[in-house]
Amino acid sequence: MHSFRIAAMLAGIATGSVWPTAALAHASSQSFVALLPTGPYRLVGVVIVGVSIALLALLPPSAASRPDGPRPGWPGAPPGVRMVVSLLSALLLVWLISAGFLGSRDPLENGLVLAFWVVFWMALVIGQGLFGNLWGWLSPFNGIGRLFERGFGWRGFLRLPGWLGAWPAVFLLLGFSGFTLADPAPDDPARLAGLLICYGIFTLAGMGLFGARSWLARVEFFTVLMRQFVRLAPLVGQGRFWRLDWPAAALCRPRKLLPGLSVFCVVLLGTGSFDGFNETFFWLDLIGVNPLAFPGRSAVIVPVLAGLVGANILLLVLFTCLLLLGDRLAGARRSGAELLMVFAPTLLPIALGYHIAHYLPSLLVDGQYALLALNDPLSLGQDWLGLAGYHVTTGFFNNRDTMNFIWLAQAAGIVFGHVLAVIVADRRAVRLYQGRRAVWLAQAPLALFMIGYTWLGLWLLAAPKGG
C-alpha cells in the first residue's frame, strides 16, 4: 500500500511538472506525522528533484531558450473597477481595525485577527502564487494611490534615491517576520490593530511624500512580496487582457531587478525555512529549552530574533558562494551581486512551496473559524453562508488516512516548488552562459543546493515540533 502511495505521489508531481505564525489554533499534526513512513517519501522527493536536474541537463540549449509564442487571451475588468475594489478593501480594513479594538478578545472570534492572519497571510499569499494577481485588486493601498495619481495628479514631491532600491522592503520583511515569530502575542486583536494603524500611517505618508508608484514598488513589503509571488502564477495579466501560461514562466524571462530585490527573494525563503526550523525539537534543544515544558514566547525572544537574522545571513552567504563557485567552474568572472540578480528569483517557487506546506494544517482549522466569522460578520445572529450551528473540527488530524493525504500535499508543495526552481534556474543559466557544458558546470553547485534543500524542507515538515 505504501509503495502505491509513493507511486501516486511521484505520478502527481510528474503530471504537475508537465502542466506566522499567528498563534490562533495553529493546528499541529506532528504527533501523527511521526507515525507515518516519512523516510521513503522524503527519499522520493529528493529523487524527483534529482531526476528533474538530470533531464534538464540532457536538453539541448535551444529547448530552454526557445522564444515564447503568442497565447490566447481574454479581456479583463477596466482599471477603474480594480480601483473601486481596492478602495472598498481599504474601508474594510478600517472596519476590521476597529473590530480589533472593540470586538472580541478571543483571536478565534475577532474579525481582524482572522482576516489578517488566516485570509490574508495564509490564504491570499498562497492564492497570489497559484492563481494570479489577487493583491492587485485587494490591496488597500493600490486604490488610494491610483486615486491620488490619476484623480488629483499627485505623485509626491520627493524622490527615493536609486541606490536605495528595494532595501527598505527587505528590512521591513525581516521586522514583520520577527513580529510573527518572537512577539509574545502577535494574535492579540488590539496589539495587531495598533501595529496595522502604525504601518498604515507610515505607508500613506510615504506614498504622499514619494509617490504611490515608487513607494509601493520599493518600500511597502507586502506589495513587493505579492509582486514576486505573482510571477509564479499561470494566470497572467497583460494590460487589459488575461492569458494562461506555464507556472513560473514569468521567472524564466529575466528582468533587471532593483538593488536589494534579489536579497528580498533570499530572505523570503530564509524566513520561511526558519519559521519551520524554529518549532523543531532540534532548535529548542539548541537554545536550551525543554520542548515538553515550553516557557512561553517571551522567554525566547532574543534567541529567536538572533536565529532569524543568522539563518538569513547563512542562506545568503551559502547561496552566493555556490553561485560564485559555479560561475568560476564555467570559466566566467561575474560578481556575486550580478549572479544573485539572475538566480535569486529562482528561489521564489521554493519559498511559496514552504509557505503552502507550513500553513496548510493551520489553514484547514483556522479557515473554519474565518468562515464562521464571515457567516455572521456583524454579530447580529445572521446566517450568510448557512453555517449556523456548525462546529469547528480537527478530527481529520486523528485519522491516519487524512493525515497521510495532508502530509503528502505538504510534501508535494515543497517538491514541486523545487522542481520549478530547477527549471527556472536552468533557463536562466542557458541565457547567461554560452554552451551546454558551461551551463552544466555553472549549475552543478546550485543543483546540489536544490537537492539538499529539498531534503531539508521535507525533514522540517516531518520533524517533531514543540513550543
Protein backbone atom coordinates (compact mmCIF):
# COMPACT_ATOMS: atom_id res chain seq x y z
CA MET A 1 0.00 0.00 0.00
CA HIS A 2 2.79 2.41 0.87
CA SER A 3 4.55 1.71 -2.42
CA PHE A 4 1.30 2.51 -4.22
CA ARG A 5 1.04 5.82 -2.38
CA ILE A 6 4.63 6.69 -3.17
CA ALA A 7 3.99 5.91 -6.83
CA ALA A 8 0.87 8.05 -6.74
CA MET A 9 2.84 10.93 -5.27
CA LEU A 10 5.52 10.55 -7.95
CA ALA A 11 2.91 10.49 -10.70
CA GLY A 12 1.20 13.57 -9.28
CA ILE A 13 4.42 15.54 -9.18
CA ALA A 14 5.39 14.44 -12.68
CA THR A 15 1.98 15.46 -14.01
CA GLY A 16 2.22 18.82 -12.28
CA SER A 17 5.61 19.49 -13.75
CA VAL A 18 4.24 18.99 -17.17
CA TRP A 19 1.43 21.12 -16.66
CA PRO A 20 3.11 33.20 11.02
CA THR A 21 2.88 32.13 12.52
CA ALA A 22 -0.17 33.55 14.13
CA ALA A 23 -0.82 31.62 17.25
CA LEU A 24 -4.54 31.10 16.72
CA ALA A 25 -5.23 27.40 16.75
CA HIS A 26 -2.00 26.85 14.80
CA ALA A 27 -3.02 23.29 14.15
CA SER A 28 -0.29 20.79 14.81
CA SER A 29 -0.32 17.32 13.32
CA GLN A 30 3.23 16.38 14.21
CA SER A 31 2.31 13.69 16.72
CA PHE A 32 0.59 11.77 13.94
CA VAL A 33 3.17 12.60 11.28
CA ALA A 34 5.77 10.86 13.44
CA LEU A 35 3.84 7.61 12.86
CA LEU A 36 3.85 7.96 9.07
CA PRO A 37 6.58 6.47 6.86
CA THR A 38 8.04 9.89 6.07
CA GLY A 39 11.50 8.50 5.31
CA PRO A 40 10.53 6.87 1.99
CA TYR A 41 8.50 9.93 1.00
CA ARG A 42 11.47 12.21 1.63
CA LEU A 43 13.65 9.92 -0.46
CA VAL A 44 11.14 10.03 -3.31
CA GLY A 45 11.01 13.82 -3.11
CA VAL A 46 14.79 14.13 -3.32
CA VAL A 47 14.88 11.64 -6.21
CA ILE A 48 12.23 13.62 -8.12
CA VAL A 49 14.30 16.80 -7.86
CA GLY A 50 17.45 14.89 -8.84
CA VAL A 51 15.74 13.35 -11.87
CA SER A 52 14.45 16.78 -12.91
CA ILE A 53 18.01 18.12 -12.83
CA ALA A 54 19.28 15.17 -14.87
CA LEU A 55 16.53 15.52 -17.50
CA LEU A 56 17.20 19.24 -17.90
CA ALA A 57 20.91 18.52 -18.33
CA LEU A 58 20.06 16.35 -21.35
CA LEU A 59 18.03 19.03 -23.10
CA PRO A 60 19.66 20.97 -25.92
CA PRO A 61 20.13 24.67 -25.21
CA SER A 62 17.52 25.59 -27.81
CA ALA A 63 14.83 23.82 -25.80
CA ALA A 64 15.42 26.18 -22.89
CA SER A 65 15.88 29.36 -24.87
CA ARG A 66 13.08 28.98 -27.41
CA PRO A 67 11.11 32.24 -27.55
CA ASP A 68 7.61 32.23 -26.17
CA GLY A 69 4.89 32.18 -28.78
CA PRO A 70 1.59 34.03 -28.68
CA ARG A 71 -1.06 32.70 -26.33
CA PRO A 72 -4.80 33.28 -26.38
CA GLY A 73 -6.09 35.94 -24.02
CA TRP A 74 -9.40 37.36 -22.88
CA PRO A 75 -10.46 40.82 -21.69
CA GLY A 76 -10.15 41.73 -18.03
CA ALA A 77 -12.01 44.32 -15.98
CA PRO A 78 -11.35 48.03 -16.62
CA PRO A 79 -8.74 49.64 -14.32
CA GLY A 80 -11.43 51.76 -12.70
CA VAL A 81 -13.18 48.67 -11.38
CA ARG A 82 -9.96 47.48 -9.79
CA MET A 83 -9.52 50.88 -8.12
CA VAL A 84 -13.04 50.75 -6.68
CA VAL A 85 -12.48 47.25 -5.29
CA SER A 86 -9.22 48.39 -3.72
CA LEU A 87 -10.89 51.41 -2.10
CA LEU A 88 -13.60 49.12 -0.70
CA SER A 89 -10.81 46.92 0.64
CA ALA A 90 -9.33 49.98 2.41
CA LEU A 91 -12.70 50.72 4.01
CA LEU A 92 -12.96 47.08 5.08
CA LEU A 93 -9.51 47.31 6.67
CA VAL A 94 -10.60 50.36 8.69
CA TRP A 95 -13.66 48.47 9.91
CA LEU A 96 -11.55 45.43 10.81
CA ILE A 97 -9.08 47.59 12.74
CA SER A 98 -11.97 48.98 14.75
CA ALA A 99 -13.01 45.38 15.44
CA GLY A 100 -9.50 44.77 16.73
CA PHE A 101 -10.08 47.38 19.45
CA LEU A 102 -13.80 46.94 20.06
CA GLY A 103 -14.51 43.32 19.15
CA SER A 104 -13.95 40.03 20.92
CA ARG A 105 -10.65 39.49 22.72
CA ASP A 106 -10.65 35.89 21.51
CA PRO A 107 -8.38 35.69 18.43
CA LEU A 108 -10.51 32.90 17.02
CA GLU A 109 -13.58 35.13 17.06
CA ASN A 110 -12.07 38.53 16.24
CA GLY A 111 -12.56 39.55 12.61
CA LEU A 112 -9.26 41.45 12.34
CA VAL A 113 -7.12 38.56 13.55
CA LEU A 114 -8.87 36.05 11.30
CA ALA A 115 -8.83 38.38 8.29
CA PHE A 116 -5.16 39.27 8.63
CA TRP A 117 -3.52 36.00 9.66
CA VAL A 118 -5.84 33.48 8.00
CA VAL A 119 -7.44 35.16 4.98
CA PHE A 120 -4.51 37.40 4.07
CA TRP A 121 -1.27 35.88 5.32
CA MET A 122 -2.21 32.24 4.78
CA ALA A 123 -4.81 32.09 2.00
CA LEU A 124 -4.23 35.22 -0.09
CA VAL A 125 -0.45 34.81 -0.28
CA ILE A 126 -0.96 31.23 -1.49
CA GLY A 127 -3.64 32.33 -3.95
CA GLN A 128 -1.37 35.05 -5.33
CA GLY A 129 1.22 32.46 -6.32
CA LEU A 130 -1.20 29.81 -7.56
CA PHE A 131 -3.86 31.80 -9.40
CA GLY A 132 -2.80 35.35 -10.28
CA ASN A 133 -2.67 38.95 -9.16
CA LEU A 134 -5.34 38.94 -6.44
CA TRP A 135 -3.39 41.56 -4.48
CA GLY A 136 -3.67 43.98 -7.38
CA TRP A 137 -7.39 44.03 -6.66
CA LEU A 138 -7.46 43.66 -2.89
CA SER A 139 -4.55 45.81 -1.73
CA PRO A 140 -5.96 48.66 0.39
CA PHE A 141 -3.11 50.89 -0.84
CA ASN A 142 -3.39 50.46 -4.62
CA GLY A 143 -6.76 52.19 -4.91
CA ILE A 144 -5.67 55.14 -2.79
CA GLY A 145 -2.50 55.50 -4.85
CA ARG A 146 -4.41 55.36 -8.15
CA LEU A 147 -6.95 57.87 -6.86
CA PHE A 148 -4.29 60.42 -5.97
CA GLU A 149 -2.19 59.84 -9.10
CA ARG A 150 -4.98 59.74 -11.67
CA GLY A 151 -7.65 61.74 -9.91
CA PHE A 152 -5.56 64.54 -8.41
CA GLY A 153 -2.33 64.20 -10.37
CA TRP A 154 -0.31 63.86 -7.13
CA ARG A 155 2.95 61.95 -7.49
CA GLY A 156 4.82 63.24 -4.45
CA PHE A 157 7.42 65.97 -4.24
CA LEU A 158 10.41 63.84 -3.18
CA ARG A 159 12.21 61.01 -4.95
CA LEU A 160 13.59 57.85 -3.44
CA PRO A 161 17.32 57.62 -4.30
CA GLY A 162 18.12 54.97 -6.89
CA TRP A 163 20.78 53.31 -4.75
CA LEU A 164 18.17 52.60 -2.06
CA GLY A 165 16.42 50.15 -4.37
CA ALA A 166 14.13 47.74 -2.52
CA TRP A 167 16.30 47.53 0.61
CA PRO A 168 13.59 49.11 2.81
CA ALA A 169 11.28 46.22 1.87
CA VAL A 170 13.99 43.73 2.90
CA PHE A 171 14.26 45.17 6.39
CA LEU A 172 10.50 45.55 6.77
CA LEU A 173 10.09 41.88 5.81
CA LEU A 174 12.63 40.91 8.46
CA GLY A 175 10.87 43.09 11.01
CA PHE A 176 7.48 41.56 10.20
CA SER A 177 8.96 38.06 10.44
CA GLY A 178 10.45 38.96 13.80
CA PHE A 179 6.99 40.08 14.96
CA THR A 180 5.31 36.86 13.84
CA LEU A 181 7.97 34.61 15.36
CA ALA A 182 9.13 36.42 18.51
CA ASP A 183 6.37 38.72 19.69
CA PRO A 184 4.64 37.28 22.79
CA ALA A 185 1.15 37.88 21.35
CA PRO A 186 1.06 38.51 17.59
CA ASP A 187 -2.59 37.44 17.51
CA ASP A 188 -3.80 39.82 20.22
CA PRO A 189 -6.52 41.87 18.47
CA ALA A 190 -5.64 45.26 19.97
CA ARG A 191 -1.92 44.70 19.52
CA LEU A 192 -2.39 43.75 15.87
CA ALA A 193 -4.75 46.69 15.29
CA GLY A 194 -2.23 49.14 16.73
CA LEU A 195 0.54 47.73 14.56
CA LEU A 196 -1.58 47.98 11.42
CA ILE A 197 -2.51 51.60 12.22
CA CYS A 198 1.17 52.50 12.56
CA TYR A 199 2.06 50.67 9.36
CA GLY A 200 -0.87 52.23 7.50
CA ILE A 201 0.14 55.75 8.55
CA PHE A 202 3.75 55.01 7.59
CA THR A 203 2.68 53.73 4.17
CA LEU A 204 0.25 56.56 3.40
CA ALA A 205 2.82 59.16 4.47
CA GLY A 206 5.45 57.54 2.26
CA MET A 207 3.04 57.43 -0.68
CA GLY A 208 2.24 61.10 -0.16
CA LEU A 209 5.88 62.18 0.06
CA PHE A 210 7.45 59.95 -2.60
CA GLY A 211 4.52 58.97 -4.80
CA ALA A 212 2.41 55.84 -4.62
CA ARG A 213 4.02 54.00 -7.52
CA SER A 214 7.58 54.30 -6.21
CA TRP A 215 6.70 53.65 -2.58
CA LEU A 216 4.63 50.54 -3.25
CA ALA A 217 7.24 49.09 -5.61
CA ARG A 218 10.23 49.64 -3.34
CA VAL A 219 9.17 50.03 0.30
CA GLU A 220 5.72 48.55 1.01
CA PHE A 221 6.89 44.99 1.55
CA PHE A 222 3.51 43.27 1.26
CA THR A 223 3.19 44.66 -2.27
CA VAL A 224 6.81 43.76 -3.07
CA LEU A 225 6.20 40.22 -1.78
CA MET A 226 3.00 39.80 -3.76
CA ARG A 227 4.62 41.11 -6.95
CA GLN A 228 7.30 38.45 -6.61
CA PHE A 229 4.90 35.57 -5.97
CA VAL A 230 2.56 36.54 -8.80
CA ARG A 231 5.38 35.72 -11.22
CA LEU A 232 4.73 32.06 -10.35
CA ALA A 233 1.05 32.12 -11.29
CA PRO A 234 -0.19 30.60 -14.57
CA LEU A 235 -2.86 33.31 -14.93
CA VAL A 236 -1.08 36.41 -16.22
CA GLY A 237 -2.45 39.89 -16.76
CA GLN A 238 -1.16 41.88 -19.75
CA GLY A 239 -2.59 45.37 -19.91
CA ARG A 240 -6.34 44.92 -20.01
CA PHE A 241 -6.14 41.25 -21.01
CA TRP A 242 -5.51 37.95 -19.26
CA ARG A 243 -3.83 34.85 -20.60
CA LEU A 244 -2.78 31.40 -19.39
CA ASP A 245 0.89 30.50 -19.16
CA TRP A 246 3.05 27.77 -17.65
CA PRO A 247 3.63 28.03 -13.88
CA ALA A 248 6.65 30.28 -13.15
CA ALA A 249 7.04 31.07 -16.87
CA ALA A 250 7.43 34.76 -15.99
CA LEU A 251 10.51 33.88 -13.93
CA CYS A 252 12.13 32.25 -16.94
CA ARG A 253 12.29 35.63 -18.64
CA PRO A 254 14.96 37.52 -16.64
CA ARG A 255 14.47 41.19 -15.98
CA LYS A 256 16.63 43.73 -14.23
CA LEU A 257 15.93 43.87 -10.51
CA LEU A 258 16.09 46.82 -8.20
CA PRO A 259 19.05 46.80 -5.79
CA GLY A 260 18.12 44.67 -2.81
CA LEU A 261 15.30 42.80 -4.56
CA SER A 262 17.48 39.73 -5.07
CA VAL A 263 18.21 39.70 -1.33
CA PHE A 264 14.46 40.08 -0.72
CA CYS A 265 13.91 36.80 -2.60
CA VAL A 266 16.54 35.05 -0.49
CA VAL A 267 15.06 36.43 2.74
CA LEU A 268 11.60 35.18 1.71
CA LEU A 269 12.99 31.66 1.64
CA GLY A 270 15.19 32.12 4.70
CA THR A 271 12.39 33.40 6.93
CA GLY A 272 10.03 30.66 5.75
CA SER A 273 12.62 27.98 6.45
CA PHE A 274 13.45 29.37 9.88
CA ASP A 275 9.75 29.56 10.70
CA GLY A 276 9.63 25.77 10.39
CA PHE A 277 13.02 25.18 12.00
CA ASN A 278 12.10 27.44 14.92
CA GLU A 279 9.48 24.92 16.08
CA THR A 280 11.59 21.77 15.95
CA PHE A 281 12.90 19.89 18.98
CA PHE A 282 16.37 20.30 17.46
CA TRP A 283 16.19 24.10 17.63
CA LEU A 284 14.64 24.16 21.09
CA ASP A 285 17.38 21.88 22.37
CA LEU A 286 19.95 24.12 20.69
CA ILE A 287 18.75 27.15 22.66
CA GLY A 288 18.40 25.17 25.88
CA VAL A 289 14.60 24.92 26.02
CA ASN A 290 12.72 21.80 27.03
CA PRO A 291 10.14 21.29 24.25
CA LEU A 292 7.86 19.44 26.68
CA ALA A 293 7.93 22.35 29.13
CA PHE A 294 7.99 25.37 26.84
CA PRO A 295 8.38 28.52 28.97
CA GLY A 296 6.47 30.78 26.58
CA ARG A 297 7.39 33.03 23.66
CA SER A 298 8.53 35.89 25.88
CA ALA A 299 11.34 33.69 27.23
CA VAL A 300 12.89 33.04 23.80
CA ILE A 301 12.62 36.43 22.09
CA VAL A 302 16.36 37.04 21.87
CA PRO A 303 17.40 33.59 20.55
CA VAL A 304 14.53 33.59 18.03
CA LEU A 305 15.46 37.01 16.65
CA ALA A 306 19.14 36.07 16.58
CA GLY A 307 18.28 32.80 14.84
CA LEU A 308 16.10 34.58 12.28
CA VAL A 309 18.85 37.01 11.32
CA GLY A 310 21.54 34.32 11.43
CA ALA A 311 19.55 31.91 9.25
CA ASN A 312 19.05 34.54 6.57
CA ILE A 313 22.70 35.60 6.60
CA LEU A 314 23.78 31.96 6.40
CA LEU A 315 21.46 31.26 3.47
CA LEU A 316 22.55 34.41 1.63
CA VAL A 317 26.25 33.64 2.06
CA LEU A 318 25.89 29.96 1.15
CA PHE A 319 23.76 30.66 -1.92
CA THR A 320 26.12 33.39 -3.15
CA CYS A 321 29.21 31.21 -2.64
CA LEU A 322 27.64 28.35 -4.61
CA LEU A 323 26.75 30.71 -7.45
CA LEU A 324 30.29 32.09 -7.49
CA LEU A 325 31.71 28.56 -7.48
CA GLY A 326 29.56 27.54 -10.43
CA ASP A 327 30.43 30.72 -12.29
CA ARG A 328 34.15 30.07 -11.83
CA LEU A 329 33.77 26.43 -12.90
CA ALA A 330 32.13 27.70 -16.09
CA GLY A 331 35.15 29.93 -16.73
CA ALA A 332 33.39 33.23 -16.07
CA ARG A 333 34.20 36.04 -13.65
CA ARG A 334 30.89 37.60 -12.67
CA SER A 335 30.31 39.27 -9.31
CA GLY A 336 28.18 37.81 -6.57
CA ALA A 337 25.72 40.70 -6.86
CA GLU A 338 25.28 40.08 -10.60
CA LEU A 339 24.73 36.35 -10.07
CA LEU A 340 22.25 36.98 -7.28
CA MET A 341 20.35 39.31 -9.59
CA VAL A 342 19.97 36.44 -12.07
CA PHE A 343 19.42 33.44 -9.81
CA ALA A 344 17.85 34.70 -6.57
CA PRO A 345 14.35 34.75 -8.16
CA THR A 346 14.69 31.00 -8.77
CA LEU A 347 14.15 30.59 -5.01
CA LEU A 348 10.63 32.02 -5.20
CA PRO A 349 8.91 28.70 -6.10
CA ILE A 350 10.62 27.07 -3.11
CA ALA A 351 9.54 29.91 -0.81
CA LEU A 352 5.93 29.56 -1.94
CA GLY A 353 6.10 25.78 -1.56
CA TYR A 354 7.35 26.23 2.03
CA HIS A 355 4.56 28.73 2.72
CA ILE A 356 1.93 26.28 1.49
CA ALA A 357 3.39 23.34 3.39
CA HIS A 358 3.87 25.27 6.63
CA TYR A 359 0.42 26.84 6.81
CA LEU A 360 -1.78 24.13 5.30
CA PRO A 361 -2.69 22.44 8.63
CA SER A 362 -3.41 25.81 10.27
CA LEU A 363 -5.45 26.93 7.28
CA LEU A 364 -7.60 23.80 7.46
CA VAL A 365 -8.57 24.62 11.05
CA ASP A 366 -8.37 28.41 11.30
CA GLY A 367 -10.09 28.70 7.93
CA GLN A 368 -13.18 27.19 9.57
CA TYR A 369 -13.14 29.95 12.17
CA ALA A 370 -12.81 32.54 9.40
CA LEU A 371 -15.81 31.10 7.58
CA LEU A 372 -17.86 31.17 10.77
CA ALA A 373 -16.91 34.81 11.29
CA LEU A 374 -17.91 35.60 7.70
CA ASN A 375 -21.18 33.77 8.27
CA ASP A 376 -22.18 36.44 10.82
CA PRO A 377 -19.75 39.35 10.26
CA LEU A 378 -21.75 41.92 12.27
CA SER A 379 -22.53 39.56 15.18
CA LEU A 380 -26.27 40.06 14.62
CA GLY A 381 -27.21 36.40 14.51
CA GLN A 382 -27.12 36.29 10.71
CA ASP A 383 -26.50 33.18 8.62
CA TRP A 384 -24.97 34.40 5.35
CA LEU A 385 -23.28 31.10 4.45
CA GLY A 386 -25.75 28.71 6.05
CA LEU A 387 -23.24 27.65 8.70
CA ALA A 388 -25.37 28.31 11.76
CA GLY A 389 -24.78 25.51 14.24
CA TYR A 390 -21.55 24.41 12.57
CA HIS A 391 -18.74 23.46 14.96
CA VAL A 392 -15.07 23.67 14.07
CA THR A 393 -13.50 20.24 13.79
CA THR A 394 -9.94 18.97 13.99
CA GLY A 395 -10.95 15.32 13.76
CA PHE A 396 -9.08 14.82 10.48
CA PHE A 397 -5.81 15.16 12.43
CA ASN A 398 -6.71 11.98 14.31
CA ASN A 399 -7.19 9.87 11.21
CA ARG A 400 -4.25 8.16 9.57
CA ASP A 401 -5.62 8.33 6.04
CA THR A 402 -6.45 12.05 6.14
CA MET A 403 -3.14 12.86 7.83
CA ASN A 404 -1.33 10.87 5.17
CA PHE A 405 -3.10 12.91 2.49
CA ILE A 406 -2.34 16.23 4.23
CA TRP A 407 1.31 15.34 4.67
CA LEU A 408 1.62 14.26 1.05
CA ALA A 409 0.02 17.54 -0.05
CA GLN A 410 2.56 19.46 2.04
CA ALA A 411 5.43 17.38 0.68
CA ALA A 412 4.16 17.83 -2.88
CA GLY A 413 4.18 21.63 -2.40
CA ILE A 414 7.82 21.55 -1.33
CA VAL A 415 8.96 19.12 -4.03
CA PHE A 416 7.04 20.80 -6.85
CA GLY A 417 8.46 24.15 -5.72
CA HIS A 418 11.98 22.77 -6.03
CA VAL A 419 11.24 21.26 -9.45
CA LEU A 420 10.00 24.63 -10.70
CA ALA A 421 13.08 26.29 -9.21
CA VAL A 422 15.33 23.85 -11.07
CA ILE A 423 13.54 24.56 -14.36
CA VAL A 424 13.75 28.32 -13.90
CA ALA A 425 17.43 28.17 -12.90
CA ASP A 426 18.25 26.10 -15.97
CA ARG A 427 16.52 28.50 -18.35
CA ARG A 428 18.25 31.48 -16.77
CA ALA A 429 21.62 29.74 -16.91
CA VAL A 430 21.19 28.96 -20.62
CA ARG A 431 20.58 32.64 -21.29
CA LEU A 432 23.63 33.62 -19.23
CA TYR A 433 26.28 31.10 -20.32
CA GLN A 434 27.43 30.05 -23.76
CA GLY A 435 27.31 26.31 -24.46
CA ARG A 436 25.69 23.45 -22.61
CA ARG A 437 28.92 22.40 -20.92
CA ALA A 438 29.28 25.82 -19.32
CA VAL A 439 25.66 25.61 -18.18
CA TRP A 440 26.28 22.19 -16.59
CA LEU A 441 29.35 23.40 -14.75
CA ALA A 442 27.69 26.60 -13.58
CA GLN A 443 24.60 24.72 -12.40
CA ALA A 444 26.36 21.87 -10.61
CA PRO A 445 26.74 23.60 -7.21
CA LEU A 446 23.21 25.02 -7.48
CA ALA A 447 21.88 21.54 -8.29
CA LEU A 448 23.43 20.17 -5.11
CA PHE A 449 21.87 23.05 -3.21
CA MET A 450 18.41 22.25 -4.64
CA ILE A 451 18.71 18.59 -3.72
CA GLY A 452 19.98 19.36 -0.22
CA TYR A 453 17.29 21.97 0.39
CA THR A 454 14.61 19.53 -0.75
CA TRP A 455 15.76 17.10 1.92
CA LEU A 456 15.88 19.91 4.50
CA GLY A 457 12.36 21.05 3.68
CA LEU A 458 10.92 17.55 3.93
CA TRP A 459 12.84 16.96 7.15
CA LEU A 460 11.42 20.16 8.64
CA LEU A 461 7.97 19.01 7.59
CA ALA A 462 8.33 15.67 9.38
CA ALA A 463 10.43 16.73 12.39
CA PRO A 464 8.79 16.69 15.86
CA LYS A 465 7.58 20.15 16.82
CA GLY A 466 7.28 21.90 20.16
CA GLY A 467 6.69 25.35 21.57
